[in-house]
Amino acid sequence: MTDQAPELTALLAESSIRLDESAGTRDEAIRATGRALVEAGAIDEAYIDAMFERENSVSTYVGEGVAIPHGTLAGKDSVKNDALVVLRFPQPIDWDGNEVSVTVGIAAKGNGHIAILSQLASILMDPDKAAALRGATTTSEVYDLLQSDEDDD
């Protein structure tokens, strides 16, 4: 048995992909991302506070119009299940001087978020994939983009 992280798509329920969100501020976007994780049954409300703590200590903006809000280590107790949510904001948000169109919220027990972040980073560092994610209008487009490119051989 390997310590391999689950497929990103396995952590993402179709109802957790929201392609027409709106937020006026970074904090509204973080709150919307946290609410989506609550609605997915992944976290308790307290985790949203941990997401703000993380953001206030280090920005979760990763480039290419994407931010990955997630909680601090102290927030782990509020995580019920590992999960991802993807929110697309057709009207970009000012994220500390950067434009953000997509947030990917992460809830993970233990150190699972590290493997999830590294998988996400490899996708989001590809400008074409990041642009496709910003422009996605269907849940299947989002699933396709988050599908692992690696062959299991």
N, C-alpha and C. Protein backbone atom coordinates (compact mmCIF):
# COMPACT_ATOMS: atom_id res chain seq x y z
N MET A 1 0.83 -1.18 0.00
CA MET A 1 0.00 0.00 0.00
C MET A 1 0.88 1.25 0.00
N THR A 2 0.63 2.14 -0.93
CA THR A 2 1.46 3.34 -1.02
C THR A 2 0.80 4.49 -0.27
N ASP A 3 1.59 5.52 -0.03
CA ASP A 3 1.10 6.69 0.68
C ASP A 3 0.62 7.74 -0.32
N GLN A 4 0.20 7.28 -1.48
CA GLN A 4 -0.17 8.19 -2.56
C GLN A 4 -1.47 8.91 -2.22
N ALA A 5 -1.51 10.17 -2.58
CA ALA A 5 -2.72 10.97 -2.33
C ALA A 5 -3.84 10.49 -3.24
N PRO A 6 -5.07 10.64 -2.78
CA PRO A 6 -6.19 10.27 -3.64
C PRO A 6 -6.25 11.18 -4.86
N GLU A 7 -6.88 10.69 -5.91
CA GLU A 7 -7.10 11.54 -7.08
C GLU A 7 -7.85 12.79 -6.64
N LEU A 8 -7.47 13.93 -7.17
CA LEU A 8 -8.17 15.16 -6.84
C LEU A 8 -9.67 15.03 -7.13
N THR A 9 -9.98 14.39 -8.25
CA THR A 9 -11.39 14.28 -8.63
C THR A 9 -12.19 13.43 -7.64
N ALA A 10 -11.50 12.53 -6.92
CA ALA A 10 -12.20 11.70 -5.94
C ALA A 10 -12.62 12.52 -4.72
N LEU A 11 -11.98 13.66 -4.52
CA LEU A 11 -12.27 14.52 -3.37
C LEU A 11 -13.30 15.60 -3.71
N LEU A 12 -13.74 15.62 -4.96
CA LEU A 12 -14.56 16.72 -5.46
C LEU A 12 -15.93 16.23 -5.88
N ALA A 13 -16.94 16.57 -5.08
CA ALA A 13 -18.32 16.23 -5.45
C ALA A 13 -18.81 17.21 -6.50
N GLU A 14 -19.68 16.75 -7.38
CA GLU A 14 -20.18 17.63 -8.43
C GLU A 14 -20.84 18.88 -7.83
N SER A 15 -21.53 18.70 -6.70
CA SER A 15 -22.19 19.84 -6.05
C SER A 15 -21.19 20.83 -5.45
N SER A 16 -19.92 20.43 -5.38
CA SER A 16 -18.88 21.29 -4.82
C SER A 16 -18.16 22.11 -5.89
N ILE A 17 -18.63 21.99 -7.13
CA ILE A 17 -18.09 22.82 -8.22
C ILE A 17 -19.13 23.90 -8.50
N ARG A 18 -18.76 25.13 -8.23
CA ARG A 18 -19.68 26.25 -8.40
C ARG A 18 -19.05 27.25 -9.34
N LEU A 19 -19.65 27.37 -10.51
CA LEU A 19 -19.00 28.12 -11.59
C LEU A 19 -19.52 29.53 -11.76
N ASP A 20 -20.47 29.94 -10.94
CA ASP A 20 -21.04 31.27 -11.12
C ASP A 20 -21.20 31.97 -9.77
N GLU A 21 -20.11 32.02 -9.00
CA GLU A 21 -20.13 32.66 -7.69
C GLU A 21 -19.85 34.14 -7.83
N SER A 22 -20.20 34.89 -6.80
CA SER A 22 -19.81 36.30 -6.80
C SER A 22 -19.37 36.68 -5.41
N ALA A 23 -18.36 37.52 -5.36
CA ALA A 23 -17.84 38.05 -4.10
C ALA A 23 -17.24 39.41 -4.40
N GLY A 24 -17.42 40.33 -3.48
CA GLY A 24 -16.88 41.67 -3.68
C GLY A 24 -15.47 41.81 -3.15
N THR A 25 -15.11 40.94 -2.20
CA THR A 25 -13.80 41.06 -1.55
C THR A 25 -13.16 39.68 -1.38
N ARG A 26 -11.89 39.71 -1.07
CA ARG A 26 -11.15 38.47 -0.78
C ARG A 26 -11.83 37.72 0.37
N ASP A 27 -12.19 38.44 1.43
CA ASP A 27 -12.79 37.78 2.59
C ASP A 27 -14.13 37.15 2.25
N GLU A 28 -14.93 37.81 1.42
CA GLU A 28 -16.20 37.22 0.98
C GLU A 28 -15.94 35.93 0.19
N ALA A 29 -14.90 35.94 -0.62
CA ALA A 29 -14.56 34.75 -1.41
C ALA A 29 -14.10 33.61 -0.51
N ILE A 30 -13.30 33.93 0.51
CA ILE A 30 -12.85 32.90 1.46
C ILE A 30 -14.05 32.33 2.20
N ARG A 31 -14.95 33.22 2.63
CA ARG A 31 -16.14 32.76 3.35
C ARG A 31 -17.00 31.86 2.46
N ALA A 32 -17.17 32.24 1.18
CA ALA A 32 -17.95 31.42 0.24
C ALA A 32 -17.29 30.06 0.04
N THR A 33 -15.97 30.04 -0.04
CA THR A 33 -15.23 28.79 -0.20
C THR A 33 -15.42 27.92 1.04
N GLY A 34 -15.32 28.53 2.22
CA GLY A 34 -15.53 27.81 3.46
C GLY A 34 -16.95 27.25 3.57
N ARG A 35 -17.94 28.06 3.18
CA ARG A 35 -19.34 27.60 3.21
C ARG A 35 -19.53 26.39 2.30
N ALA A 36 -18.88 26.42 1.14
CA ALA A 36 -18.99 25.28 0.21
C ALA A 36 -18.42 24.02 0.86
N LEU A 37 -17.32 24.16 1.62
CA LEU A 37 -16.75 23.01 2.33
C LEU A 37 -17.69 22.52 3.43
N VAL A 38 -18.35 23.46 4.13
CA VAL A 38 -19.33 23.08 5.16
C VAL A 38 -20.47 22.30 4.50
N GLU A 39 -20.98 22.84 3.38
CA GLU A 39 -22.10 22.20 2.69
C GLU A 39 -21.71 20.84 2.12
N ALA A 40 -20.43 20.64 1.85
CA ALA A 40 -19.95 19.35 1.35
C ALA A 40 -19.83 18.34 2.50
N GLY A 41 -20.04 18.81 3.74
CA GLY A 41 -19.93 17.92 4.89
C GLY A 41 -18.48 17.66 5.29
N ALA A 42 -17.56 18.49 4.80
CA ALA A 42 -16.13 18.24 5.03
C ALA A 42 -15.61 18.88 6.31
N ILE A 43 -16.22 19.98 6.73
CA ILE A 43 -15.68 20.74 7.86
C ILE A 43 -16.80 21.23 8.77
N ASP A 44 -16.39 21.60 10.00
CA ASP A 44 -17.24 22.37 10.90
C ASP A 44 -17.00 23.85 10.58
N GLU A 45 -17.95 24.69 10.98
CA GLU A 45 -17.83 26.14 10.76
C GLU A 45 -16.50 26.70 11.28
N ALA A 46 -15.99 26.14 12.38
CA ALA A 46 -14.76 26.66 13.00
C ALA A 46 -13.58 26.67 12.02
N TYR A 47 -13.61 25.76 11.03
CA TYR A 47 -12.50 25.69 10.07
C TYR A 47 -12.40 26.97 9.25
N ILE A 48 -13.53 27.65 9.04
CA ILE A 48 -13.51 28.89 8.25
C ILE A 48 -12.63 29.93 8.96
N ASP A 49 -12.70 29.98 10.30
CA ASP A 49 -11.82 30.89 11.05
C ASP A 49 -10.36 30.54 10.81
N ALA A 50 -10.06 29.23 10.75
CA ALA A 50 -8.68 28.79 10.51
C ALA A 50 -8.24 29.18 9.09
N MET A 51 -9.20 29.23 8.14
CA MET A 51 -8.88 29.67 6.78
C MET A 51 -8.46 31.15 6.80
N PHE A 52 -9.17 31.95 7.60
CA PHE A 52 -8.80 33.37 7.71
C PHE A 52 -7.45 33.54 8.42
N GLU A 53 -7.20 32.71 9.44
CA GLU A 53 -5.90 32.77 10.12
C GLU A 53 -4.77 32.50 9.13
N ARG A 54 -4.94 31.47 8.30
CA ARG A 54 -3.93 31.12 7.29
C ARG A 54 -3.72 32.30 6.34
N GLU A 55 -4.81 32.85 5.86
CA GLU A 55 -4.73 33.94 4.88
C GLU A 55 -4.05 35.17 5.47
N ASN A 56 -4.32 35.42 6.75
CA ASN A 56 -3.73 36.60 7.40
C ASN A 56 -2.25 36.41 7.70
N SER A 57 -1.77 35.16 7.73
CA SER A 57 -0.35 34.94 7.96
C SER A 57 0.41 34.78 6.64
N VAL A 58 -0.22 34.14 5.66
CA VAL A 58 0.42 33.99 4.34
C VAL A 58 -0.68 33.88 3.28
N SER A 59 -0.53 34.63 2.21
CA SER A 59 -1.55 34.62 1.16
C SER A 59 -1.63 33.25 0.49
N THR A 60 -2.85 32.83 0.19
CA THR A 60 -3.04 31.57 -0.50
C THR A 60 -3.20 31.79 -2.01
N TYR A 61 -2.92 33.01 -2.47
CA TYR A 61 -2.90 33.27 -3.90
C TYR A 61 -1.71 32.52 -4.49
N VAL A 62 -1.95 31.73 -5.56
CA VAL A 62 -0.86 30.93 -6.12
C VAL A 62 -0.46 31.36 -7.53
N GLY A 63 -1.14 32.36 -8.08
CA GLY A 63 -0.82 32.81 -9.42
C GLY A 63 -1.86 32.35 -10.42
N GLU A 64 -1.76 32.86 -11.63
CA GLU A 64 -2.67 32.46 -12.71
C GLU A 64 -4.15 32.66 -12.36
N GLY A 65 -4.44 33.66 -11.49
CA GLY A 65 -5.83 33.95 -11.16
C GLY A 65 -6.47 32.97 -10.19
N VAL A 66 -5.63 32.21 -9.47
CA VAL A 66 -6.15 31.16 -8.59
C VAL A 66 -5.63 31.35 -7.16
N ALA A 67 -6.54 31.13 -6.19
CA ALA A 67 -6.15 31.09 -4.77
C ALA A 67 -6.64 29.75 -4.21
N ILE A 68 -5.90 29.25 -3.22
CA ILE A 68 -6.23 27.95 -2.63
C ILE A 68 -6.40 28.13 -1.12
N PRO A 69 -7.53 28.73 -0.70
CA PRO A 69 -7.72 28.94 0.73
C PRO A 69 -7.85 27.61 1.48
N HIS A 70 -7.14 27.51 2.59
CA HIS A 70 -7.22 26.33 3.45
C HIS A 70 -6.85 26.75 4.86
N GLY A 71 -7.17 25.91 5.82
CA GLY A 71 -6.98 26.27 7.22
C GLY A 71 -5.57 26.04 7.72
N THR A 72 -5.33 26.53 8.92
CA THR A 72 -4.06 26.32 9.61
C THR A 72 -4.08 24.92 10.23
N LEU A 73 -2.92 24.50 10.74
CA LEU A 73 -2.82 23.23 11.42
C LEU A 73 -3.79 23.16 12.60
N ALA A 74 -3.98 24.30 13.27
CA ALA A 74 -4.89 24.35 14.41
C ALA A 74 -6.34 24.04 14.00
N GLY A 75 -6.66 24.26 12.73
CA GLY A 75 -8.01 24.01 12.25
C GLY A 75 -8.30 22.56 11.91
N LYS A 76 -7.29 21.71 11.97
CA LYS A 76 -7.45 20.30 11.58
C LYS A 76 -8.56 19.59 12.35
N ASP A 77 -8.75 19.99 13.62
CA ASP A 77 -9.78 19.34 14.44
C ASP A 77 -11.18 19.58 13.88
N SER A 78 -11.33 20.60 13.04
CA SER A 78 -12.64 20.93 12.47
C SER A 78 -12.90 20.21 11.16
N VAL A 79 -11.92 19.42 10.69
CA VAL A 79 -12.08 18.70 9.42
C VAL A 79 -12.72 17.34 9.68
N LYS A 80 -13.83 17.08 8.98
CA LYS A 80 -14.53 15.79 9.11
C LYS A 80 -14.07 14.81 8.04
N ASN A 81 -13.93 15.31 6.80
CA ASN A 81 -13.53 14.49 5.65
C ASN A 81 -12.64 15.30 4.73
N ASP A 82 -11.71 14.61 4.06
CA ASP A 82 -10.91 15.29 3.04
C ASP A 82 -11.83 15.65 1.88
N ALA A 83 -11.71 16.88 1.39
CA ALA A 83 -12.56 17.30 0.28
C ALA A 83 -11.97 18.52 -0.40
N LEU A 84 -12.39 18.72 -1.64
CA LEU A 84 -12.06 19.92 -2.40
C LEU A 84 -13.36 20.58 -2.83
N VAL A 85 -13.31 21.90 -2.97
CA VAL A 85 -14.39 22.64 -3.63
C VAL A 85 -13.73 23.58 -4.62
N VAL A 86 -14.41 23.81 -5.74
CA VAL A 86 -13.89 24.73 -6.75
C VAL A 86 -14.96 25.79 -7.00
N LEU A 87 -14.60 27.05 -6.77
CA LEU A 87 -15.52 28.15 -7.02
C LEU A 87 -14.93 29.06 -8.09
N ARG A 88 -15.74 29.38 -9.07
CA ARG A 88 -15.31 30.28 -10.15
C ARG A 88 -16.08 31.58 -10.00
N PHE A 89 -15.35 32.68 -10.06
CA PHE A 89 -15.92 34.01 -9.94
C PHE A 89 -15.78 34.72 -11.29
N PRO A 90 -16.86 34.77 -12.09
CA PRO A 90 -16.77 35.42 -13.41
C PRO A 90 -16.28 36.86 -13.32
N GLN A 91 -16.62 37.56 -12.22
CA GLN A 91 -16.07 38.89 -11.97
C GLN A 91 -14.90 38.71 -11.01
N PRO A 92 -13.65 38.88 -11.50
CA PRO A 92 -12.49 38.63 -10.64
C PRO A 92 -12.51 39.47 -9.36
N ILE A 93 -11.90 38.92 -8.32
CA ILE A 93 -11.81 39.55 -7.00
C ILE A 93 -10.39 40.10 -6.83
N ASP A 94 -10.29 41.24 -6.16
CA ASP A 94 -8.98 41.78 -5.80
C ASP A 94 -8.48 41.01 -4.57
N TRP A 95 -7.42 40.24 -4.76
CA TRP A 95 -6.86 39.40 -3.70
C TRP A 95 -5.51 39.99 -3.35
N ASP A 96 -5.51 40.98 -2.49
CA ASP A 96 -4.27 41.65 -2.09
C ASP A 96 -3.49 42.14 -3.30
N GLY A 97 -4.20 42.76 -4.25
CA GLY A 97 -3.54 43.32 -5.43
C GLY A 97 -3.45 42.38 -6.61
N ASN A 98 -3.89 41.14 -6.45
CA ASN A 98 -3.91 40.18 -7.56
C ASN A 98 -5.36 39.89 -7.92
N GLU A 99 -5.60 39.61 -9.20
CA GLU A 99 -6.95 39.23 -9.62
C GLU A 99 -7.14 37.74 -9.47
N VAL A 100 -8.21 37.36 -8.76
CA VAL A 100 -8.52 35.95 -8.58
C VAL A 100 -9.89 35.66 -9.18
N SER A 101 -9.93 34.63 -10.03
CA SER A 101 -11.19 34.19 -10.66
C SER A 101 -11.63 32.83 -10.16
N VAL A 102 -10.70 32.08 -9.55
CA VAL A 102 -11.01 30.72 -9.09
C VAL A 102 -10.41 30.52 -7.70
N THR A 103 -11.24 29.96 -6.79
CA THR A 103 -10.69 29.49 -5.52
C THR A 103 -10.89 27.98 -5.46
N VAL A 104 -9.88 27.31 -4.93
CA VAL A 104 -9.97 25.87 -4.69
C VAL A 104 -9.82 25.71 -3.19
N GLY A 105 -10.91 25.36 -2.53
CA GLY A 105 -10.86 25.17 -1.08
C GLY A 105 -10.45 23.75 -0.76
N ILE A 106 -9.59 23.62 0.26
CA ILE A 106 -9.09 22.30 0.66
C ILE A 106 -9.42 22.05 2.13
N ALA A 107 -9.96 20.88 2.39
CA ALA A 107 -10.08 20.38 3.76
C ALA A 107 -9.38 19.03 3.77
N ALA A 108 -8.43 18.87 4.69
CA ALA A 108 -7.72 17.59 4.76
C ALA A 108 -7.32 17.30 6.20
N LYS A 109 -7.48 16.04 6.57
CA LYS A 109 -7.02 15.60 7.89
C LYS A 109 -5.53 15.31 7.80
N GLY A 110 -4.87 15.26 8.92
CA GLY A 110 -3.46 14.92 8.94
C GLY A 110 -2.65 15.83 8.03
N ASN A 111 -1.73 15.25 7.27
CA ASN A 111 -0.91 16.04 6.35
C ASN A 111 -1.41 15.92 4.92
N GLY A 112 -2.64 15.46 4.73
CA GLY A 112 -3.18 15.25 3.40
C GLY A 112 -3.16 16.48 2.52
N HIS A 113 -3.25 17.67 3.14
CA HIS A 113 -3.30 18.89 2.33
C HIS A 113 -2.00 19.10 1.56
N ILE A 114 -0.90 18.61 2.07
CA ILE A 114 0.39 18.82 1.39
C ILE A 114 0.40 18.11 0.04
N ALA A 115 -0.03 16.84 0.03
CA ALA A 115 -0.10 16.09 -1.23
C ALA A 115 -1.12 16.71 -2.18
N ILE A 116 -2.25 17.16 -1.62
CA ILE A 116 -3.29 17.78 -2.46
C ILE A 116 -2.76 19.08 -3.05
N LEU A 117 -2.10 19.90 -2.23
CA LEU A 117 -1.55 21.17 -2.73
C LEU A 117 -0.53 20.93 -3.84
N SER A 118 0.30 19.90 -3.67
CA SER A 118 1.32 19.67 -4.70
C SER A 118 0.69 19.20 -6.00
N GLN A 119 -0.36 18.38 -5.92
CA GLN A 119 -1.06 17.96 -7.15
C GLN A 119 -1.72 19.18 -7.82
N LEU A 120 -2.36 20.01 -7.00
CA LEU A 120 -3.01 21.20 -7.56
C LEU A 120 -1.99 22.13 -8.19
N ALA A 121 -0.86 22.32 -7.51
CA ALA A 121 0.16 23.23 -8.02
C ALA A 121 0.65 22.80 -9.38
N SER A 122 0.82 21.48 -9.58
CA SER A 122 1.34 21.02 -10.87
C SER A 122 0.35 21.33 -11.99
N ILE A 123 -0.95 21.33 -11.67
CA ILE A 123 -1.96 21.68 -12.67
C ILE A 123 -1.99 23.20 -12.87
N LEU A 124 -2.02 23.93 -11.75
CA LEU A 124 -2.22 25.37 -11.83
C LEU A 124 -1.00 26.13 -12.32
N MET A 125 0.16 25.50 -12.28
CA MET A 125 1.36 26.15 -12.80
C MET A 125 1.39 26.11 -14.32
N ASP A 126 0.51 25.32 -14.91
CA ASP A 126 0.40 25.26 -16.37
C ASP A 126 -0.57 26.37 -16.79
N PRO A 127 -0.04 27.43 -17.43
CA PRO A 127 -0.90 28.58 -17.76
C PRO A 127 -2.11 28.19 -18.60
N ASP A 128 -1.97 27.21 -19.49
CA ASP A 128 -3.11 26.81 -20.32
C ASP A 128 -4.20 26.16 -19.48
N LYS A 129 -3.79 25.28 -18.55
CA LYS A 129 -4.77 24.62 -17.69
C LYS A 129 -5.42 25.63 -16.75
N ALA A 130 -4.62 26.54 -16.22
CA ALA A 130 -5.17 27.56 -15.32
C ALA A 130 -6.17 28.44 -16.08
N ALA A 131 -5.84 28.79 -17.31
CA ALA A 131 -6.76 29.61 -18.12
C ALA A 131 -8.04 28.83 -18.41
N ALA A 132 -7.91 27.54 -18.67
CA ALA A 132 -9.09 26.71 -18.93
C ALA A 132 -9.96 26.61 -17.68
N LEU A 133 -9.32 26.53 -16.51
CA LEU A 133 -10.08 26.48 -15.27
C LEU A 133 -10.82 27.80 -15.04
N ARG A 134 -10.14 28.91 -15.29
CA ARG A 134 -10.79 30.23 -15.13
C ARG A 134 -11.97 30.37 -16.07
N GLY A 135 -11.90 29.71 -17.24
CA GLY A 135 -12.95 29.84 -18.23
C GLY A 135 -13.98 28.72 -18.22
N ALA A 136 -13.81 27.75 -17.31
CA ALA A 136 -14.70 26.58 -17.29
C ALA A 136 -16.15 26.99 -17.06
N THR A 137 -17.04 26.40 -17.83
CA THR A 137 -18.46 26.69 -17.66
C THR A 137 -19.27 25.44 -17.33
N THR A 138 -18.62 24.27 -17.32
CA THR A 138 -19.32 23.03 -16.94
C THR A 138 -18.49 22.27 -15.92
N THR A 139 -19.19 21.47 -15.10
CA THR A 139 -18.48 20.69 -14.10
C THR A 139 -17.56 19.66 -14.76
N SER A 140 -17.95 19.14 -15.92
CA SER A 140 -17.10 18.14 -16.57
C SER A 140 -15.77 18.76 -17.02
N GLU A 141 -15.78 20.03 -17.41
CA GLU A 141 -14.51 20.69 -17.77
C GLU A 141 -13.59 20.74 -16.55
N VAL A 142 -14.16 21.04 -15.39
CA VAL A 142 -13.35 21.12 -14.17
C VAL A 142 -12.79 19.74 -13.83
N TYR A 143 -13.63 18.70 -13.90
CA TYR A 143 -13.15 17.34 -13.64
C TYR A 143 -12.02 16.96 -14.59
N ASP A 144 -12.19 17.28 -15.88
CA ASP A 144 -11.16 16.94 -16.87
C ASP A 144 -9.84 17.62 -16.54
N LEU A 145 -9.90 18.88 -16.12
CA LEU A 145 -8.67 19.62 -15.80
C LEU A 145 -7.97 19.09 -14.57
N LEU A 146 -8.74 18.58 -13.61
CA LEU A 146 -8.15 18.08 -12.38
C LEU A 146 -7.75 16.62 -12.43
N GLN A 147 -8.08 15.97 -13.55
CA GLN A 147 -7.72 14.56 -13.73
C GLN A 147 -6.20 14.46 -13.78
N SER A 148 -5.67 13.44 -13.17
CA SER A 148 -4.22 13.23 -13.18
C SER A 148 -3.75 12.90 -14.59
N ASP A 149 -2.62 13.51 -14.98
CA ASP A 149 -2.04 13.21 -16.30
C ASP A 149 -1.16 11.97 -16.26
N GLU A 150 -0.78 11.58 -15.05
CA GLU A 150 0.16 10.47 -14.92
C GLU A 150 -0.50 9.14 -15.21
N ASP A 151 0.21 8.32 -15.96
CA ASP A 151 -0.29 6.96 -16.24
C ASP A 151 0.18 6.04 -15.12
N ASP A 152 -0.70 5.17 -14.69
CA ASP A 152 -0.34 4.23 -13.62
C ASP A 152 0.28 2.97 -14.23
N ASP A 153 1.54 3.07 -14.60
CA ASP A 153 2.17 1.86 -15.14
C ASP A 153 3.43 1.50 -14.40
